[in-house]
Protein backbone atom coordinates (compact mmCIF):
# COMPACT_ATOMS: atom_id res chain seq x y z
CA MET A 1 13.92 9.11 1.31
CA THR A 2 12.04 11.96 2.95
CA THR A 3 10.44 12.50 6.35
CA VAL A 4 6.78 13.47 6.60
CA VAL A 5 4.39 14.52 9.35
CA THR A 6 0.68 14.04 8.72
CA SER A 7 -2.67 15.24 10.04
CA GLY A 8 -6.16 14.78 8.69
CA VAL A 9 -9.81 15.88 8.69
CA PHE A 10 -13.11 14.51 7.39
CA PRO A 11 -14.54 17.34 5.26
CA ALA A 12 -17.78 15.79 3.97
CA THR A 13 -19.94 12.73 3.39
CA THR A 14 -21.59 11.62 0.14
CA PRO A 15 -24.53 11.69 0.25
CA ALA A 16 -25.00 14.05 3.17
CA ILE A 17 -26.05 12.20 6.33
CA SER A 18 -28.16 13.22 9.31
CA PRO A 19 -27.56 13.69 12.17
CA VAL A 20 -23.81 14.41 11.93
CA ASP A 21 -21.28 16.46 13.92
CA GLY A 22 -17.62 17.34 13.43
CA LEU A 23 -17.30 17.63 9.66
CA GLY A 24 -14.09 19.49 8.83
CA THR A 25 -12.34 18.11 11.92
CA PRO A 26 -10.33 14.95 12.68
CA ASP A 27 -13.29 13.55 14.65
CA VAL A 28 -16.64 13.11 12.86
CA ARG A 29 -19.67 11.58 14.63
CA TRP A 30 -23.14 10.56 13.50
CA GLY A 31 -26.32 9.24 15.07
CA SER A 32 -28.38 10.18 18.09
CA SER A 33 -26.89 12.10 21.01
CA GLY A 34 -25.48 9.80 23.69
CA SER A 35 -25.00 6.91 21.27
CA GLN A 36 -22.93 8.31 18.40
CA SER A 37 -20.61 6.39 16.14
CA GLY A 38 -17.88 7.97 14.06
CA TYR A 39 -14.37 8.16 12.68
CA GLN A 40 -11.22 9.73 14.03
CA PHE A 41 -7.92 10.19 12.17
CA ARG A 42 -4.65 10.49 14.07
CA GLY A 43 -1.64 11.68 12.12
CA ALA A 44 1.84 10.21 12.23
CA ALA A 45 5.50 10.91 11.49
CA ALA A 46 7.30 8.59 9.08
CA ASP A 47 10.41 8.17 6.98
CA VAL A 48 9.18 7.60 3.44
CA GLN A 49 10.82 5.83 0.53
CA LEU A 50 9.65 7.19 -2.83
CA ASP A 51 9.58 3.79 -4.56
CA GLY A 52 6.23 2.29 -3.65
CA THR A 53 7.35 1.21 -0.17
CA GLU A 54 4.38 1.33 2.18
CA PHE A 55 4.37 3.51 5.29
CA VAL A 56 1.83 4.32 8.01
CA VAL A 57 0.22 7.65 7.15
CA GLY A 58 -1.96 7.65 10.27
CA THR A 59 -4.27 5.72 12.56
CA PHE A 60 -7.94 5.19 11.75
CA VAL A 61 -10.26 4.93 14.76
CA HIS A 62 -13.89 3.82 14.55
CA ARG A 63 -16.02 4.42 17.64
CA ASN A 64 -18.85 1.99 17.04
CA LEU A 65 -21.99 2.32 19.16
CA PRO A 66 -25.53 1.17 18.33
CA THR A 67 -27.03 4.10 16.48
CA ASN A 68 -29.18 5.12 13.52
CA VAL A 69 -28.19 7.41 10.68
CA SER A 70 -29.81 8.20 7.35
CA PRO A 71 -28.85 6.87 4.89
CA SER A 72 -27.19 3.83 6.46
CA GLN A 73 -24.52 3.57 3.71
CA PHE A 74 -22.43 6.55 2.64
CA ASP A 75 -18.92 7.65 1.66
CA VAL A 76 -16.77 9.61 4.10
CA GLN A 77 -14.08 11.84 2.60
CA LEU A 78 -10.67 11.97 4.28
CA ARG A 79 -8.21 14.81 3.60
CA VAL A 80 -4.68 14.09 4.78
CA ASN A 81 -2.24 17.00 5.08
CA VAL A 82 1.36 15.89 4.52
CA MET A 83 4.21 18.16 5.62
CA PHE A 84 7.64 17.34 4.17
CA GLU A 85 10.95 17.98 5.88
CA ASP A 86 11.57 21.10 3.77
CA GLY A 87 8.37 22.64 5.17
CA SER A 88 6.28 22.20 2.01
CA THR A 89 2.83 20.63 2.33
CA THR A 90 0.27 18.85 0.18
CA ASP A 91 -3.27 17.61 0.77
CA LEU A 92 -4.27 14.08 -0.23
CA ASP A 93 -7.95 13.18 -0.74
CA PHE A 94 -9.36 9.69 -0.29
CA SER A 95 -12.73 8.24 0.69
CA PHE A 96 -14.11 5.36 2.75
CA HIS A 97 -17.45 3.62 2.20
CA HIS A 98 -19.32 3.10 5.47
CA ASN A 99 -22.03 0.52 6.08
CA GLU A 100 -23.86 1.17 9.37
CA THR A 101 -25.25 -2.36 9.60
CA PRO A 102 -28.45 -3.16 11.56
CA ASN A 103 -27.74 -4.28 15.13
CA THR A 104 -30.14 -7.21 15.23
CA THR A 105 -28.25 -10.21 16.61
CA ASN A 106 -26.06 -8.65 19.33
CA SER A 107 -23.18 -10.75 18.05
CA SER A 108 -20.04 -10.43 15.94
CA PRO A 109 -19.44 -10.63 13.01
CA ALA A 110 -23.14 -10.37 12.05
CA ASP A 111 -23.53 -6.86 13.52
CA ASP A 112 -20.05 -5.57 12.60
CA ASP A 113 -20.02 -2.27 10.75
CA LEU A 114 -18.02 -2.42 7.50
CA VAL A 115 -15.60 0.22 6.25
CA ASP A 116 -14.28 -0.25 2.70
CA LEU A 117 -11.44 1.69 1.15
CA GLU A 118 -13.30 3.37 -1.70
CA THR A 119 -10.64 5.62 -3.29
CA PHE A 120 -7.12 4.24 -3.53
CA VAL A 121 -5.36 6.95 -5.53
CA HIS A 122 -5.22 10.69 -4.88
CA PRO A 123 -6.47 12.20 -8.15
CA GLN A 124 -3.58 14.60 -8.82
CA PRO A 125 0.17 13.88 -8.99
CA VAL A 126 2.28 15.00 -6.01
CA THR A 127 5.55 16.82 -6.68
CA ILE A 128 8.41 15.92 -4.32
CA ASP A 129 11.90 17.35 -4.94
CA GLY A 130 10.83 18.33 -8.45
CA LYS A 131 9.59 14.86 -9.42
CA GLN A 132 6.00 13.71 -9.75
CA TYR A 133 4.57 10.76 -7.80
CA ARG A 134 1.19 9.18 -7.17
CA ALA A 135 -0.10 8.92 -3.59
CA VAL A 136 -1.84 5.58 -3.09
CA LEU A 137 -3.62 4.16 -0.05
CA SER A 138 -3.12 0.40 0.04
CA GLY A 139 -5.38 -0.44 2.96
CA PHE A 140 -5.90 -0.91 6.66
CA LYS A 141 -3.15 -2.68 8.58
CA ARG A 142 -4.40 -4.94 11.37
CA ASN A 143 -2.51 -7.78 13.06
CA GLY A 144 0.26 -7.51 10.48
CA GLN A 145 -2.14 -7.93 7.52
CA ILE A 146 -3.13 -5.19 5.07
CA VAL A 147 -6.77 -5.42 4.02
CA GLN A 148 -9.15 -3.25 2.01
CA GLN A 149 -12.12 -3.83 4.33
CA PHE A 150 -12.17 -2.89 8.01
CA ARG A 151 -14.61 -4.94 10.10
CA SER A 152 -15.57 -3.02 13.20
CA PRO A 153 -17.29 -4.93 16.03
CA GLU A 154 -20.22 -3.21 17.69
CA GLY A 155 -19.83 -1.52 21.06
CA GLY A 156 -16.09 -0.87 20.88
CA ILE A 157 -13.34 1.51 19.86
CA ASN A 158 -11.59 -0.19 16.95
CA PHE A 159 -8.22 0.80 15.48
CA ALA A 160 -6.27 0.20 12.30
CA GLU A 161 -3.19 1.81 10.78
CA VAL A 162 -3.77 3.42 7.38
CA VAL A 163 -1.03 2.46 4.93
CA CYS A 164 0.07 4.73 2.09
CA MET A 165 2.83 4.92 -0.51
CA PHE A 166 4.34 7.38 -2.96
CA THR A 167 5.05 5.74 -6.27
CA LEU A 168 5.62 6.51 -9.95
CA ASP A 169 2.67 6.90 -12.31
CA GLU A 170 3.09 3.42 -13.81
CA PRO A 171 2.16 -0.14 -12.78
CA ASP A 172 4.60 -2.18 -10.68
CA VAL A 173 3.28 -5.65 -9.84
CA ILE A 174 5.20 -7.89 -7.43
CA ILE A 175 4.72 -11.03 -5.34
CA SER A 176 4.05 -9.60 -1.88
CA ASP A 177 3.27 -12.70 0.19
CA LEU A 178 3.19 -16.48 0.05
CA ARG A 179 1.40 -18.77 2.48
CA TYR A 180 2.92 -22.17 1.72
CA LEU A 181 1.80 -23.93 4.92
CA GLY A 182 -1.93 -24.48 4.69
CA THR A 183 -4.31 -26.54 6.78
CA GLY A 184 -6.30 -29.68 6.14
CA ALA A 185 -6.14 -32.23 3.36
CA GLY A 186 -4.63 -30.70 0.24
CA GLN A 187 -4.03 -27.41 2.13
CA PRO A 188 -6.72 -25.50 0.20
CA ASP A 189 -6.07 -22.24 2.13
CA GLU A 190 -2.53 -21.78 0.81
CA TYR A 191 -2.17 -18.66 -1.32
CA VAL A 192 0.22 -16.48 -3.25
CA GLU A 193 -0.41 -12.74 -3.08
CA ILE A 194 0.45 -10.21 -5.74
CA PHE A 195 0.45 -6.45 -5.19
CA ASN A 196 0.44 -3.44 -7.50
CA LYS A 197 2.73 -0.98 -5.75
CA GLY A 198 2.71 1.32 -8.78
CA GLY A 199 0.52 4.33 -9.51
CA ALA A 200 -1.35 2.95 -12.54
CA ALA A 201 -3.49 -0.12 -13.27
CA GLN A 202 -1.98 -3.24 -14.86
CA ASP A 203 -3.85 -5.55 -17.25
CA LEU A 204 -3.03 -9.10 -16.11
CA THR A 205 -4.19 -10.75 -19.33
CA GLY A 206 -1.54 -13.35 -20.19
CA TRP A 207 0.11 -13.17 -16.76
CA VAL A 208 0.77 -16.52 -15.05
CA VAL A 209 1.66 -17.61 -11.52
CA GLU A 210 4.01 -20.62 -11.49
CA SER A 211 4.90 -22.92 -8.60
CA LYS A 212 8.31 -24.59 -8.70
CA PRO A 213 8.94 -27.52 -8.39
CA THR A 214 5.31 -28.74 -8.20
CA GLY A 215 4.57 -27.45 -11.71
CA HIS A 216 1.22 -25.87 -10.92
CA THR A 217 0.30 -22.79 -12.97
CA TYR A 218 -2.49 -20.24 -12.81
CA ALA A 219 -3.31 -17.86 -15.70
CA PHE A 220 -5.31 -14.75 -14.83
CA PRO A 221 -8.56 -14.45 -16.81
CA PRO A 222 -8.50 -12.11 -19.83
CA GLY A 223 -9.33 -8.54 -18.89
CA THR A 224 -8.25 -8.84 -15.24
CA LEU A 225 -7.05 -5.45 -14.00
CA ILE A 226 -5.15 -4.86 -10.79
CA GLN A 227 -5.53 -1.28 -9.65
CA PRO A 228 -2.87 0.73 -7.77
CA GLY A 229 -2.62 -0.35 -4.15
CA ARG A 230 -4.64 -3.53 -4.70
CA ARG A 231 -3.69 -7.02 -3.60
CA TYR A 232 -4.93 -10.20 -5.26
CA ARG A 233 -4.54 -13.70 -3.82
CA VAL A 234 -4.59 -16.95 -5.76
CA TYR A 235 -5.65 -19.74 -3.39
CA THR A 236 -4.87 -23.41 -3.81
CA ASN A 237 -8.52 -24.49 -3.66
CA GLN A 238 -10.64 -21.76 -2.11
CA ASN A 239 -12.51 -18.75 -3.45
CA HIS A 240 -12.28 -15.43 -1.60
CA GLN A 241 -14.02 -12.61 -3.45
CA GLU A 242 -12.55 -9.93 -1.19
CA SER A 243 -9.08 -10.77 -2.56
CA GLY A 244 -10.08 -11.25 -6.19
CA GLY A 245 -11.77 -14.67 -6.19
CA PHE A 246 -8.83 -16.50 -7.87
CA SER A 247 -7.97 -20.17 -7.27
CA PHE A 248 -5.75 -22.87 -8.75
CA GLY A 249 -8.66 -25.25 -8.14
CA SER A 250 -6.20 -27.94 -7.09
CA ALA A 251 -7.09 -30.81 -4.75
CA ARG A 252 -3.36 -31.18 -4.01
CA GLU A 253 -1.06 -28.65 -2.37
CA VAL A 254 0.40 -26.11 -4.79
CA TRP A 255 3.19 -24.83 -2.56
CA ARG A 256 5.53 -27.56 -1.37
CA ASP A 257 6.05 -27.37 2.40
CA GLN A 258 9.79 -28.11 2.15
CA GLY A 259 10.46 -25.16 -0.16
CA GLY A 260 10.15 -23.90 -3.70
CA ILE A 261 9.78 -20.77 -5.79
CA ALA A 262 6.74 -18.70 -6.66
CA ARG A 263 7.08 -16.92 -10.00
CA LEU A 264 5.03 -14.24 -11.72
CA VAL A 265 5.52 -14.57 -15.46
CA HIS A 266 4.42 -12.51 -18.49
CA ASP A 267 5.31 -13.40 -22.09
CA GLY A 268 7.97 -15.79 -20.82
CA PHE A 269 9.64 -13.09 -18.72
CA VAL A 270 9.87 -13.60 -14.95
CA VAL A 271 8.43 -10.35 -13.62
CA ASP A 272 9.04 -11.30 -9.97
CA GLN A 273 9.84 -14.40 -7.95
CA HIS A 274 9.70 -15.46 -4.32
CA PRO A 275 12.03 -18.34 -3.29
CA TYR A 276 11.37 -19.91 0.12
CA LEU A 277 13.05 -22.49 2.35
CA ASP A 278 15.14 -24.93 0.24
CA LYS A 279 14.02 -23.18 -3.00
CA GLY A 280 12.95 -26.56 -4.40
CA PHE A 281 16.51 -27.81 -4.93
CA ASN A 282 15.69 -30.85 -2.80
CA THR A 283 12.83 -32.38 -4.74
CA SER A 284 12.32 -35.42 -2.52
CA PRO A 285 8.91 -35.61 -0.83
């Protein structure tokens, strides 16, 4: 474990936008004077595990006012300076994709601006205590959930924690969440979530999610890649493209409310598993 202190600036946009103020600082603004929108980055101090454990690298602030900027969609570069407890520093470069949506309905979510995490992995390895790691952003943390897209309602100051991790330059896919209590008939909104906390992509061809004791299985389509820092969800009977678009397609619940085990399996080997409640030992309804 190591302790870090962070700060950050927004050095540039791609393509260049106009009008814009504050490039090279922690507070960049765009649009007409008196009604400017923009980003702010606030650094943090954190104890960091060097094993893919997520930590808050800073707070992302979007000041969202009705404004016009050209073009209306662009990438904003973020450079995070990380100081380690031995006094050494490194800069990490990431980017966000901004969509300055038209403000036509005066209502949310139709007029919400959208911020997507565009670059997950800092391009160069980071050396810590003589060992090389990958720095990976895994998303925006809001209301306890980590997401790759930040929806920012118009006319407000909207916050999210930015979550990062230092990890080895290899894939490491785990089961990160399980929603076993869904709603409605058949509980279609149940899901199991898998997460690549490693520093390299993993091909999920031949990988299977199993539900014990219900016996449901889901095989990922051939050629499915999960990139570093990405989360995929497999829903019982819904399709959500923002989390991969995967579904068991089952009219019945996949995850038994009384308990069971979620397993992630490849070539017959249990890569990870997530027991919950009675672990399925009591198989009565």
